[in-house]
């Protein structure tokens, strides 16, 4: 967020994009673990989901609409996957 506050929108946006990518990769990894590990990683998974929601807030606040839509779309697919509706593409 510091880059965004300093007016470095492009650099800040790239950092947010990388953070979102990292969170999504971590959550995707957690979903591949056997069920008996689910309770062990639940807190971490929730933390990463919270991180993604925070990134959505920041992208809206700083007018990064394209990045916001990208993160939101991936988050919605992830939520559907975690709800057992369909696989992540």
C-alpha atoms as a PDB file:
ATOM      1  CA  UNK A   1       0.000   0.000   0.000  1.00  0.00           C
ATOM      2  CA  UNK A   2       2.945   2.327   0.593  1.00  0.00           C
ATOM      3  CA  UNK A   3       3.712   2.459  -3.123  1.00  0.00           C
ATOM      4  CA  UNK A   4       0.111   3.386  -3.828  1.00  0.00           C
ATOM      5  CA  UNK A   5       0.108   6.095  -1.178  1.00  0.00           C
ATOM      6  CA  UNK A   6       3.297   7.505  -2.684  1.00  0.00           C
ATOM      7  CA  UNK A   7       1.650   7.696  -6.099  1.00  0.00           C
ATOM      8  CA  UNK A   8       3.587   4.748  -7.523  1.00  0.00           C
ATOM      9  CA  UNK A   9       0.383   3.154  -8.804  1.00  0.00           C
ATOM     10  CA  UNK A  10       2.011   0.879 -11.395  1.00  0.00           C
ATOM     11  CA  UNK A  11       4.611  -0.476  -8.974  1.00  0.00           C
ATOM     12  CA  UNK A  12       2.027  -0.823  -6.200  1.00  0.00           C
ATOM     13  CA  UNK A  13      -0.356  -2.601  -8.543  1.00  0.00           C
ATOM     14  CA  UNK A  14       2.345  -5.077  -9.506  1.00  0.00           C
ATOM     15  CA  UNK A  15       3.064  -5.798  -5.833  1.00  0.00           C
ATOM     16  CA  UNK A  16      -0.656  -6.371  -5.210  1.00  0.00           C
ATOM     17  CA  UNK A  17      -0.849  -8.663  -8.249  1.00  0.00           C
ATOM     18  CA  UNK A  18       2.073 -10.725  -6.919  1.00  0.00           C
ATOM     19  CA  UNK A  19       0.554 -10.899  -3.439  1.00  0.00           C
ATOM     20  CA  UNK A  20      -2.743 -12.131  -4.902  1.00  0.00           C
ATOM     21  CA  UNK A  21      -0.919 -14.730  -6.999  1.00  0.00           C
ATOM     22  CA  UNK A  22       0.961 -15.969  -3.930  1.00  0.00           C
ATOM     23  CA  UNK A  23      -2.210 -16.216  -1.821  1.00  0.00           C
ATOM     24  CA  UNK A  24      -4.059 -18.087  -4.564  1.00  0.00           C
ATOM     25  CA  UNK A  25      -1.178 -20.528  -5.001  1.00  0.00           C
ATOM     26  CA  UNK A  26      -1.038 -21.185  -1.264  1.00  0.00           C
ATOM     27  CA  UNK A  27      -4.785 -21.802  -1.047  1.00  0.00           C
ATOM     28  CA  UNK A  28      -4.690 -24.033  -4.124  1.00  0.00           C
ATOM     29  CA  UNK A  29      -1.925 -26.046  -2.469  1.00  0.00           C
ATOM     30  CA  UNK A  30      -3.967 -26.401   0.716  1.00  0.00           C
ATOM     31  CA  UNK A  31      -6.904 -27.743  -1.294  1.00  0.00           C
ATOM     32  CA  UNK A  32      -4.736 -30.552  -2.662  1.00  0.00           C
ATOM     33  CA  UNK A  33      -3.908 -31.890   0.786  1.00  0.00           C
ATOM     34  CA  UNK A  34      -5.706 -34.972   2.115  1.00  0.00           C
ATOM     35  CA  UNK A  35      -8.843 -34.272   4.144  1.00  0.00           C
ATOM     36  CA  UNK A  36      -7.185 -35.139   7.440  1.00  0.00           C
ATOM     37  CA  UNK A  37      -4.909 -32.104   7.006  1.00  0.00           C
ATOM     38  CA  UNK A  38      -7.837 -29.728   6.445  1.00  0.00           C
ATOM     39  CA  UNK A  39      -8.208 -28.815  10.109  1.00  0.00           C
ATOM     40  CA  UNK A  40      -4.475 -28.172  10.381  1.00  0.00           C
ATOM     41  CA  UNK A  41      -4.395 -25.611   7.570  1.00  0.00           C
ATOM     42  CA  UNK A  42      -7.830 -24.074   8.069  1.00  0.00           C
ATOM     43  CA  UNK A  43      -6.528 -20.976   9.878  1.00  0.00           C
ATOM     44  CA  UNK A  44      -3.847 -20.370   7.271  1.00  0.00           C
ATOM     45  CA  UNK A  45      -6.385 -20.826   4.490  1.00  0.00           C
ATOM     46  CA  UNK A  46      -8.723 -18.308   6.122  1.00  0.00           C
ATOM     47  CA  UNK A  47      -5.825 -15.881   6.548  1.00  0.00           C
ATOM     48  CA  UNK A  48      -5.006 -16.072   2.841  1.00  0.00           C
ATOM     49  CA  UNK A  49      -8.683 -15.558   1.953  1.00  0.00           C
ATOM     50  CA  UNK A  50      -8.675 -12.485   4.190  1.00  0.00           C
ATOM     51  CA  UNK A  51      -5.552 -11.264   2.407  1.00  0.00           C
ATOM     52  CA  UNK A  52      -7.341 -11.565  -0.939  1.00  0.00           C
ATOM     53  CA  UNK A  53     -10.324  -9.608   0.390  1.00  0.00           C
ATOM     54  CA  UNK A  54      -7.961  -6.890   1.640  1.00  0.00           C
ATOM     55  CA  UNK A  55      -6.340  -6.720  -1.786  1.00  0.00           C
ATOM     56  CA  UNK A  56      -9.776  -6.183  -3.314  1.00  0.00           C
ATOM     57  CA  UNK A  57     -10.343  -3.251  -0.967  1.00  0.00           C
ATOM     58  CA  UNK A  58      -7.001  -1.700  -1.908  1.00  0.00           C
ATOM     59  CA  UNK A  59      -7.528  -2.114  -5.639  1.00  0.00           C
ATOM     60  CA  UNK A  60     -10.928  -0.421  -5.368  1.00  0.00           C
ATOM     61  CA  UNK A  61      -9.561   2.366  -3.197  1.00  0.00           C
ATOM     62  CA  UNK A  62      -6.781   3.190  -5.642  1.00  0.00           C
ATOM     63  CA  UNK A  63      -8.796   2.752  -8.839  1.00  0.00           C
ATOM     64  CA  UNK A  64      -7.050  -0.386 -10.077  1.00  0.00           C
ATOM     65  CA  UNK A  65     -10.224  -1.663 -11.736  1.00  0.00           C
ATOM     66  CA  UNK A  66      -8.639  -4.230 -14.045  1.00  0.00           C
ATOM     67  CA  UNK A  67      -6.636  -5.774 -11.223  1.00  0.00           C
ATOM     68  CA  UNK A  68      -9.699  -5.694  -8.980  1.00  0.00           C
ATOM     69  CA  UNK A  69     -11.751  -7.606 -11.558  1.00  0.00           C
ATOM     70  CA  UNK A  70      -8.936 -10.109 -12.064  1.00  0.00           C
ATOM     71  CA  UNK A  71      -8.524 -10.819  -8.350  1.00  0.00           C
ATOM     72  CA  UNK A  72     -12.283 -10.880  -7.767  1.00  0.00           C
ATOM     73  CA  UNK A  73     -12.836 -13.348 -10.610  1.00  0.00           C
ATOM     74  CA  UNK A  74     -10.150 -15.676  -9.295  1.00  0.00           C
ATOM     75  CA  UNK A  75     -11.477 -15.354  -5.761  1.00  0.00           C
ATOM     76  CA  UNK A  76     -15.004 -16.225  -6.898  1.00  0.00           C
ATOM     77  CA  UNK A  77     -13.706 -19.327  -8.703  1.00  0.00           C
ATOM     78  CA  UNK A  78     -11.816 -20.285  -5.578  1.00  0.00           C
ATOM     79  CA  UNK A  79     -14.905 -19.868  -3.396  1.00  0.00           C
ATOM     80  CA  UNK A  80     -16.927 -22.014  -5.810  1.00  0.00           C
ATOM     81  CA  UNK A  81     -14.204 -24.653  -5.717  1.00  0.00           C
ATOM     82  CA  UNK A  82     -14.044 -24.639  -1.920  1.00  0.00           C
ATOM     83  CA  UNK A  83     -17.828 -24.918  -1.829  1.00  0.00           C
ATOM     84  CA  UNK A  84     -17.541 -28.057  -3.930  1.00  0.00           C
ATOM     85  CA  UNK A  85     -19.379 -26.584  -6.909  1.00  0.00           C
ATOM     86  CA  UNK A  86     -16.694 -26.988  -9.577  1.00  0.00           C
ATOM     87  CA  UNK A  87     -12.978 -27.193 -10.264  1.00  0.00           C
ATOM     88  CA  UNK A  88     -10.715 -24.163 -10.571  1.00  0.00           C
ATOM     89  CA  UNK A  89      -9.742 -23.398 -14.187  1.00  0.00           C
END
